[in-house]
Amino acid sequence: MKLFELGQINMTPSAITIIAANKVPVGDLLDRHERGDYGDVSEMDWRENTLALLPESVERVMSVYSVGTEKLWVITDPDRKLTTLLTEEDF
C-alpha cells in the first residue's frame, strides 16, 4: 500500500550512472520507498520517516538502498511534489 505521493521524479547524474551500471529497476526502488520499506536507514531515520507521514508533518521521507557496492538515497520533499534519487557525493 502506498503511504505517500512521490511527485515528480528526479535523478542526479551520479545516481543515473549507478542505476545504469547495475541495471537497477528504478520503479522497484520507488515502490519500496512509497510503501515504507526504507532500506538501510538508521533506526532514528526510520522513526523520523514514520513521523513525516503524519498529516501535520513538514519533514522529508528518506530511504537508502544498497546497489552493488554503492548506496542510493531516495528523498521525497516535505510537500510531496518532488522525489530525488541521489548518491552520497550529491549531498
C-alpha atoms as a PDB file:
ATOM      1  CA  MET A   1       0.000   0.000   0.000  1.00  0.00           C
ATOM      2  CA  LYS A   2       1.307   3.416  -0.999  1.00  0.00           C
ATOM      3  CA  LEU A   3       1.867   5.659   2.054  1.00  0.00           C
ATOM      4  CA  PHE A   4       2.518   8.984   0.298  1.00  0.00           C
ATOM      5  CA  GLU A   5       2.830  10.638  -3.102  1.00  0.00           C
ATOM      6  CA  LEU A   6       6.208  10.826  -4.822  1.00  0.00           C
ATOM      7  CA  GLY A   7       5.533  13.842  -7.026  1.00  0.00           C
ATOM      8  CA  GLN A   8       7.971  14.482  -9.858  1.00  0.00           C
ATOM      9  CA  ILE A   9      10.915  12.044 -10.022  1.00  0.00           C
ATOM     10  CA  ASN A  10      14.429  13.454 -10.481  1.00  0.00           C
ATOM     11  CA  MET A  11      17.815  11.714 -10.576  1.00  0.00           C
ATOM     12  CA  THR A  12      21.267  13.194 -10.261  1.00  0.00           C
ATOM     13  CA  PRO A  13      23.849  12.280 -12.914  1.00  0.00           C
ATOM     14  CA  SER A  14      25.793  10.116 -10.447  1.00  0.00           C
ATOM     15  CA  ALA A  15      22.599   8.254  -9.478  1.00  0.00           C
ATOM     16  CA  ILE A  16      21.848   7.645 -13.164  1.00  0.00           C
ATOM     17  CA  THR A  17      25.357   6.222 -13.604  1.00  0.00           C
ATOM     18  CA  ILE A  18      24.923   3.762 -10.709  1.00  0.00           C
ATOM     19  CA  ILE A  19      21.439   2.782 -11.850  1.00  0.00           C
ATOM     20  CA  ALA A  20      22.620   2.137 -15.411  1.00  0.00           C
ATOM     21  CA  ALA A  21      25.789   0.286 -14.375  1.00  0.00           C
ATOM     22  CA  ASN A  22      23.840  -2.041 -12.087  1.00  0.00           C
ATOM     23  CA  LYS A  23      20.704  -2.323 -14.270  1.00  0.00           C
ATOM     24  CA  VAL A  24      18.557  -1.265 -11.331  1.00  0.00           C
ATOM     25  CA  PRO A  25      14.800  -1.200 -11.932  1.00  0.00           C
ATOM     26  CA  VAL A  26      14.097   2.313 -10.626  1.00  0.00           C
ATOM     27  CA  GLY A  27      10.387   1.536 -10.293  1.00  0.00           C
ATOM     28  CA  ASP A  28      11.203  -1.164  -7.734  1.00  0.00           C
ATOM     29  CA  LEU A  29      13.159   1.299  -5.573  1.00  0.00           C
ATOM     30  CA  LEU A  30      10.387   3.878  -5.784  1.00  0.00           C
ATOM     31  CA  ASP A  31       7.756   1.250  -4.929  1.00  0.00           C
ATOM     32  CA  ARG A  32       9.725   0.201  -1.835  1.00  0.00           C
ATOM     33  CA  HIS A  33      10.166   3.830  -0.799  1.00  0.00           C
ATOM     34  CA  GLU A  34       6.492   4.774  -1.075  1.00  0.00           C
ATOM     35  CA  ARG A  35       5.382   1.550   0.682  1.00  0.00           C
ATOM     36  CA  GLY A  36       7.561   2.308   3.730  1.00  0.00           C
ATOM     37  CA  ASP A  37      10.453  -0.093   3.079  1.00  0.00           C
ATOM     38  CA  TYR A  38      13.170   2.466   3.722  1.00  0.00           C
ATOM     39  CA  GLY A  39      16.060   0.065   3.177  1.00  0.00           C
ATOM     40  CA  ASP A  40      19.290   0.730   5.059  1.00  0.00           C
ATOM     41  CA  VAL A  41      18.308   3.787   7.121  1.00  0.00           C
ATOM     42  CA  SER A  42      19.147   4.047  10.795  1.00  0.00           C
ATOM     43  CA  GLU A  43      16.541   3.390  13.470  1.00  0.00           C
ATOM     44  CA  MET A  44      16.329   7.138  14.100  1.00  0.00           C
ATOM     45  CA  ASP A  45      15.756   7.875  10.392  1.00  0.00           C
ATOM     46  CA  TRP A  46      13.085   5.147  10.318  1.00  0.00           C
ATOM     47  CA  ARG A  47      11.277   6.870  13.207  1.00  0.00           C
ATOM     48  CA  GLU A  48      11.625  10.266  11.516  1.00  0.00           C
ATOM     49  CA  ASN A  49      10.110   8.810   8.351  1.00  0.00           C
ATOM     50  CA  THR A  50       7.184   7.473  10.370  1.00  0.00           C
ATOM     51  CA  LEU A  51       6.610  10.924  11.871  1.00  0.00           C
ATOM     52  CA  ALA A  52       6.957  12.514   8.409  1.00  0.00           C
ATOM     53  CA  LEU A  53       3.866  10.593   7.310  1.00  0.00           C
ATOM     54  CA  LEU A  54       1.637  12.391   9.807  1.00  0.00           C
ATOM     55  CA  PRO A  55      -0.676  14.905   8.087  1.00  0.00           C
ATOM     56  CA  GLU A  56       0.716  17.889  10.009  1.00  0.00           C
ATOM     57  CA  SER A  57       4.356  16.967   9.258  1.00  0.00           C
ATOM     58  CA  VAL A  58       6.690  19.195   7.271  1.00  0.00           C
ATOM     59  CA  GLU A  59       9.517  16.642   7.083  1.00  0.00           C
ATOM     60  CA  ARG A  60      11.008  14.712   4.187  1.00  0.00           C
ATOM     61  CA  VAL A  61      10.897  10.938   3.740  1.00  0.00           C
ATOM     62  CA  MET A  62      14.275   9.279   3.119  1.00  0.00           C
ATOM     63  CA  SER A  63      15.299   5.786   2.047  1.00  0.00           C
ATOM     64  CA  VAL A  64      18.750   4.322   1.439  1.00  0.00           C
ATOM     65  CA  TYR A  65      19.283   1.267  -0.774  1.00  0.00           C
ATOM     66  CA  SER A  66      22.432  -0.721  -1.475  1.00  0.00           C
ATOM     67  CA  VAL A  67      23.098  -1.031  -5.196  1.00  0.00           C
ATOM     68  CA  GLY A  68      26.132  -3.141  -5.945  1.00  0.00           C
ATOM     69  CA  THR A  69      28.911  -1.581  -3.882  1.00  0.00           C
ATOM     70  CA  GLU A  70      27.197   1.814  -3.834  1.00  0.00           C
ATOM     71  CA  LYS A  71      24.268   3.331  -1.975  1.00  0.00           C
ATOM     72  CA  LEU A  72      21.381   5.290  -3.448  1.00  0.00           C
ATOM     73  CA  TRP A  73      19.305   7.742  -1.457  1.00  0.00           C
ATOM     74  CA  VAL A  74      15.661   8.341  -2.331  1.00  0.00           C
ATOM     75  CA  ILE A  75      14.325  11.525  -0.773  1.00  0.00           C
ATOM     76  CA  THR A  76      10.784  12.836  -1.061  1.00  0.00           C
ATOM     77  CA  ASP A  77      10.406  16.510  -0.192  1.00  0.00           C
ATOM     78  CA  PRO A  78       8.053  17.541   2.611  1.00  0.00           C
ATOM     79  CA  ASP A  79       5.412  18.873   0.201  1.00  0.00           C
ATOM     80  CA  ARG A  80       5.474  15.527  -1.681  1.00  0.00           C
ATOM     81  CA  LYS A  81       5.928  17.308  -5.019  1.00  0.00           C
ATOM     82  CA  LEU A  82       9.451  16.008  -5.697  1.00  0.00           C
ATOM     83  CA  THR A  83      11.370  12.776  -5.126  1.00  0.00           C
ATOM     84  CA  THR A  84      15.076  12.679  -5.934  1.00  0.00           C
ATOM     85  CA  LEU A  85      17.413   9.714  -6.354  1.00  0.00           C
ATOM     86  CA  LEU A  86      20.971  10.669  -5.465  1.00  0.00           C
ATOM     87  CA  THR A  87      24.286   9.393  -4.145  1.00  0.00           C
ATOM     88  CA  GLU A  88      26.280  10.328  -1.065  1.00  0.00           C
ATOM     89  CA  GLU A  89      28.525  12.563  -3.152  1.00  0.00           C
ATOM     90  CA  ASP A  90      25.441  14.561  -4.197  1.00  0.00           C
ATOM     91  CA  PHE A  91      24.697  15.673  -0.626  1.00  0.00           C
END
